[in-house]
C-alpha atoms as a PDB file:
ATOM      1  CA  UNK A   1     -66.225-218.438  94.141  1.00  0.00           C
ATOM      2  CA  UNK A   2     -64.701-220.514  96.888  1.00  0.00           C
ATOM      3  CA  UNK A   3     -61.137-219.162  96.767  1.00  0.00           C
ATOM      4  CA  UNK A   4     -60.081-215.635  95.852  1.00  0.00           C
ATOM      5  CA  UNK A   5     -59.341-215.258  92.149  1.00  0.00           C
ATOM      6  CA  UNK A   6     -55.936-214.185  90.886  1.00  0.00           C
ATOM      7  CA  UNK A   7     -57.459-210.730  90.327  1.00  0.00           C
ATOM      8  CA  UNK A   8     -58.649-210.471  93.925  1.00  0.00           C
ATOM      9  CA  UNK A   9     -55.214-211.567  95.065  1.00  0.00           C
ATOM     10  CA  UNK A  10     -53.606-208.846  92.912  1.00  0.00           C
ATOM     11  CA  UNK A  11     -56.017-206.261  94.323  1.00  0.00           C
ATOM     12  CA  UNK A  12     -55.162-207.385  97.859  1.00  0.00           C
ATOM     13  CA  UNK A  13     -51.410-207.090  97.192  1.00  0.00           C
ATOM     14  CA  UNK A  14     -50.750-210.837  97.451  1.00  0.00           C
ATOM     15  CA  UNK A  15     -49.582-211.008  93.828  1.00  0.00           C
ATOM     16  CA  UNK A  16     -47.884-208.161  91.960  1.00  0.00           C
ATOM     17  CA  UNK A  17     -49.819-206.325  89.286  1.00  0.00           C
ATOM     18  CA  UNK A  18     -49.328-203.094  87.365  1.00  0.00           C
ATOM     19  CA  UNK A  19     -52.349-200.978  88.268  1.00  0.00           C
ATOM     20  CA  UNK A  20     -53.425-198.268  85.857  1.00  0.00           C
ATOM     21  CA  UNK A  21     -56.740-197.392  87.549  1.00  0.00           C
ATOM     22  CA  UNK A  22     -58.629-197.939  90.814  1.00  0.00           C
ATOM     23  CA  UNK A  23     -61.949-196.705  92.182  1.00  0.00           C
ATOM     24  CA  UNK A  24     -64.615-198.003  94.548  1.00  0.00           C
ATOM     25  CA  UNK A  25     -66.165-200.365  91.947  1.00  0.00           C
ATOM     26  CA  UNK A  26     -63.435-201.430  89.525  1.00  0.00           C
ATOM     27  CA  UNK A  27     -59.700-201.552  89.016  1.00  0.00           C
ATOM     28  CA  UNK A  28     -57.546-201.973  85.932  1.00  0.00           C
ATOM     29  CA  UNK A  29     -54.211-203.671  85.422  1.00  0.00           C
ATOM     30  CA  UNK A  30     -51.901-204.340  82.514  1.00  0.00           C
ATOM     31  CA  UNK A  31     -52.234-207.870  81.148  1.00  0.00           C
ATOM     32  CA  UNK A  32     -49.103-209.925  81.888  1.00  0.00           C
ATOM     33  CA  UNK A  33     -49.355-211.618  78.467  1.00  0.00           C
ATOM     34  CA  UNK A  34     -50.440-208.777  76.176  1.00  0.00           C
ATOM     35  CA  UNK A  35     -51.734-209.547  72.695  1.00  0.00           C
ATOM     36  CA  UNK A  36     -51.706-205.886  71.607  1.00  0.00           C
ATOM     37  CA  UNK A  37     -49.515-202.877  72.404  1.00  0.00           C
ATOM     38  CA  UNK A  38     -52.232-201.712  74.792  1.00  0.00           C
ATOM     39  CA  UNK A  39     -53.801-204.591  76.724  1.00  0.00           C
ATOM     40  CA  UNK A  40     -55.542-203.599  79.939  1.00  0.00           C
ATOM     41  CA  UNK A  41     -57.872-205.698  82.086  1.00  0.00           C
ATOM     42  CA  UNK A  42     -60.790-203.865  83.703  1.00  0.00           C
ATOM     43  CA  UNK A  43     -62.067-205.834  86.687  1.00  0.00           C
ATOM     44  CA  UNK A  44     -64.877-205.320  89.187  1.00  0.00           C
ATOM     45  CA  UNK A  45     -63.814-205.395  92.830  1.00  0.00           C
ATOM     46  CA  UNK A  46     -66.831-207.574  93.571  1.00  0.00           C
ATOM     47  CA  UNK A  47     -65.856-211.156  92.692  1.00  0.00           C
ATOM     48  CA  UNK A  48     -68.479-211.815  90.024  1.00  0.00           C
ATOM     49  CA  UNK A  49     -67.671-214.921  88.026  1.00  0.00           C
ATOM     50  CA  UNK A  50     -68.921-213.719  84.644  1.00  0.00           C
ATOM     51  CA  UNK A  51     -71.444-211.578  82.781  1.00  0.00           C
ATOM     52  CA  UNK A  52     -74.003-214.196  83.822  1.00  0.00           C
ATOM     53  CA  UNK A  53     -73.761-212.857  87.394  1.00  0.00           C
ATOM     54  CA  UNK A  54     -74.916-209.393  86.330  1.00  0.00           C
ATOM     55  CA  UNK A  55     -78.513-208.353  86.939  1.00  0.00           C
ATOM     56  CA  UNK A  56     -80.370-205.078  87.377  1.00  0.00           C
ATOM     57  CA  UNK A  57     -78.909-204.633  90.857  1.00  0.00           C
ATOM     58  CA  UNK A  58     -75.355-204.895  89.452  1.00  0.00           C
ATOM     59  CA  UNK A  59     -75.745-203.115  86.115  1.00  0.00           C
ATOM     60  CA  UNK A  60     -73.891-200.097  87.530  1.00  0.00           C
ATOM     61  CA  UNK A  61     -70.762-202.280  87.649  1.00  0.00           C
ATOM     62  CA  UNK A  62     -70.986-203.074  83.932  1.00  0.00           C
ATOM     63  CA  UNK A  63     -71.582-199.399  83.205  1.00  0.00           C
ATOM     64  CA  UNK A  64     -68.543-198.381  85.222  1.00  0.00           C
ATOM     65  CA  UNK A  65     -66.412-200.932  83.374  1.00  0.00           C
ATOM     66  CA  UNK A  66     -67.386-199.339  80.047  1.00  0.00           C
ATOM     67  CA  UNK A  67     -66.839-195.769  81.281  1.00  0.00           C
ATOM     68  CA  UNK A  68     -63.412-196.714  82.652  1.00  0.00           C
ATOM     69  CA  UNK A  69     -62.532-198.406  79.350  1.00  0.00           C
ATOM     70  CA  UNK A  70     -63.311-195.191  77.454  1.00  0.00           C
ATOM     71  CA  UNK A  71     -61.339-193.121  79.997  1.00  0.00           C
ATOM     72  CA  UNK A  72     -58.300-195.384  79.777  1.00  0.00           C
ATOM     73  CA  UNK A  73     -58.465-195.525  75.968  1.00  0.00           C
ATOM     74  CA  UNK A  74     -58.296-191.733  75.924  1.00  0.00           C
ATOM     75  CA  UNK A  75     -55.422-191.661  78.441  1.00  0.00           C
ATOM     76  CA  UNK A  76     -53.511-194.271  76.410  1.00  0.00           C
ATOM     77  CA  UNK A  77     -54.034-192.290  73.198  1.00  0.00           C
ATOM     78  CA  UNK A  78     -56.007-194.980  71.364  1.00  0.00           C
ATOM     79  CA  UNK A  79     -59.463-193.418  71.527  1.00  0.00           C
ATOM     80  CA  UNK A  80     -59.235-191.776  68.091  1.00  0.00           C
ATOM     81  CA  UNK A  81     -57.622-194.651  66.212  1.00  0.00           C
ATOM     82  CA  UNK A  82     -59.914-197.240  67.787  1.00  0.00           C
ATOM     83  CA  UNK A  83     -59.797-200.124  70.197  1.00  0.00           C
ATOM     84  CA  UNK A  84     -61.543-203.369  71.045  1.00  0.00           C
ATOM     85  CA  UNK A  85     -63.356-204.391  74.226  1.00  0.00           C
ATOM     86  CA  UNK A  86     -63.708-208.114  74.912  1.00  0.00           C
ATOM     87  CA  UNK A  87     -65.496-209.988  77.678  1.00  0.00           C
ATOM     88  CA  UNK A  88     -65.135-213.772  77.534  1.00  0.00           C
ATOM     89  CA  UNK A  89     -67.843-215.733  79.317  1.00  0.00           C
ATOM     90  CA  UNK A  90     -67.427-219.365  80.372  1.00  0.00           C
ATOM     91  CA  UNK A  91     -64.980-221.975  79.138  1.00  0.00           C
ATOM     92  CA  UNK A  92     -66.440-222.185  75.622  1.00  0.00           C
ATOM     93  CA  UNK A  93     -66.262-218.393  75.395  1.00  0.00           C
ATOM     94  CA  UNK A  94     -62.545-218.441  76.222  1.00  0.00           C
ATOM     95  CA  UNK A  95     -62.779-217.281  79.854  1.00  0.00           C
ATOM     96  CA  UNK A  96     -59.681-218.462  81.731  1.00  0.00           C
ATOM     97  CA  UNK A  97     -60.010-216.577  85.024  1.00  0.00           C
ATOM     98  CA  UNK A  98     -63.401-217.070  86.622  1.00  0.00           C
ATOM     99  CA  UNK A  99     -63.710-213.458  87.757  1.00  0.00           C
ATOM    100  CA  UNK A 100     -65.506-211.064  85.396  1.00  0.00           C
ATOM    101  CA  UNK A 101     -63.076-208.883  83.472  1.00  0.00           C
ATOM    102  CA  UNK A 102     -62.954-206.876  80.261  1.00  0.00           C
ATOM    103  CA  UNK A 103     -59.979-206.675  77.920  1.00  0.00           C
ATOM    104  CA  UNK A 104     -59.153-203.252  76.452  1.00  0.00           C
ATOM    105  CA  UNK A 105     -57.053-203.873  73.351  1.00  0.00           C
ATOM    106  CA  UNK A 106     -55.522-201.259  71.086  1.00  0.00           C
ATOM    107  CA  UNK A 107     -52.436-199.724  69.581  1.00  0.00           C
ATOM    108  CA  UNK A 108     -52.630-201.755  66.376  1.00  0.00           C
ATOM    109  CA  UNK A 109     -55.192-202.565  63.698  1.00  0.00           C
ATOM    110  CA  UNK A 110     -57.571-205.288  64.845  1.00  0.00           C
ATOM    111  CA  UNK A 111     -59.058-207.814  62.457  1.00  0.00           C
ATOM    112  CA  UNK A 112     -62.727-207.161  61.886  1.00  0.00           C
ATOM    113  CA  UNK A 113     -65.465-209.404  63.200  1.00  0.00           C
ATOM    114  CA  UNK A 114     -67.999-208.161  60.706  1.00  0.00           C
END
């Protein structure tokens, strides 16, 4: 990535964001345009563009993202009722910000995908 993403700029304090979690590998913020009562973005600190940038050397980042999602779901009280995790990859996959991130969605019934 040539310029810092909006997520990197939020992490660096250049743009406001509502942080709900931070550690040495990932951080999480509330989505500014939520599509569910709970809509959190879980983002690696390392500016990976998408899932396609993950390999064996970076699999710990993906693992941390999932562990943090479960932790936040429990803290938000949606772990028992259920929630959805979404990672969009590339323009055809719906990715709008070219910095890997996972959506944690919950607080309402989601339509099934099958």
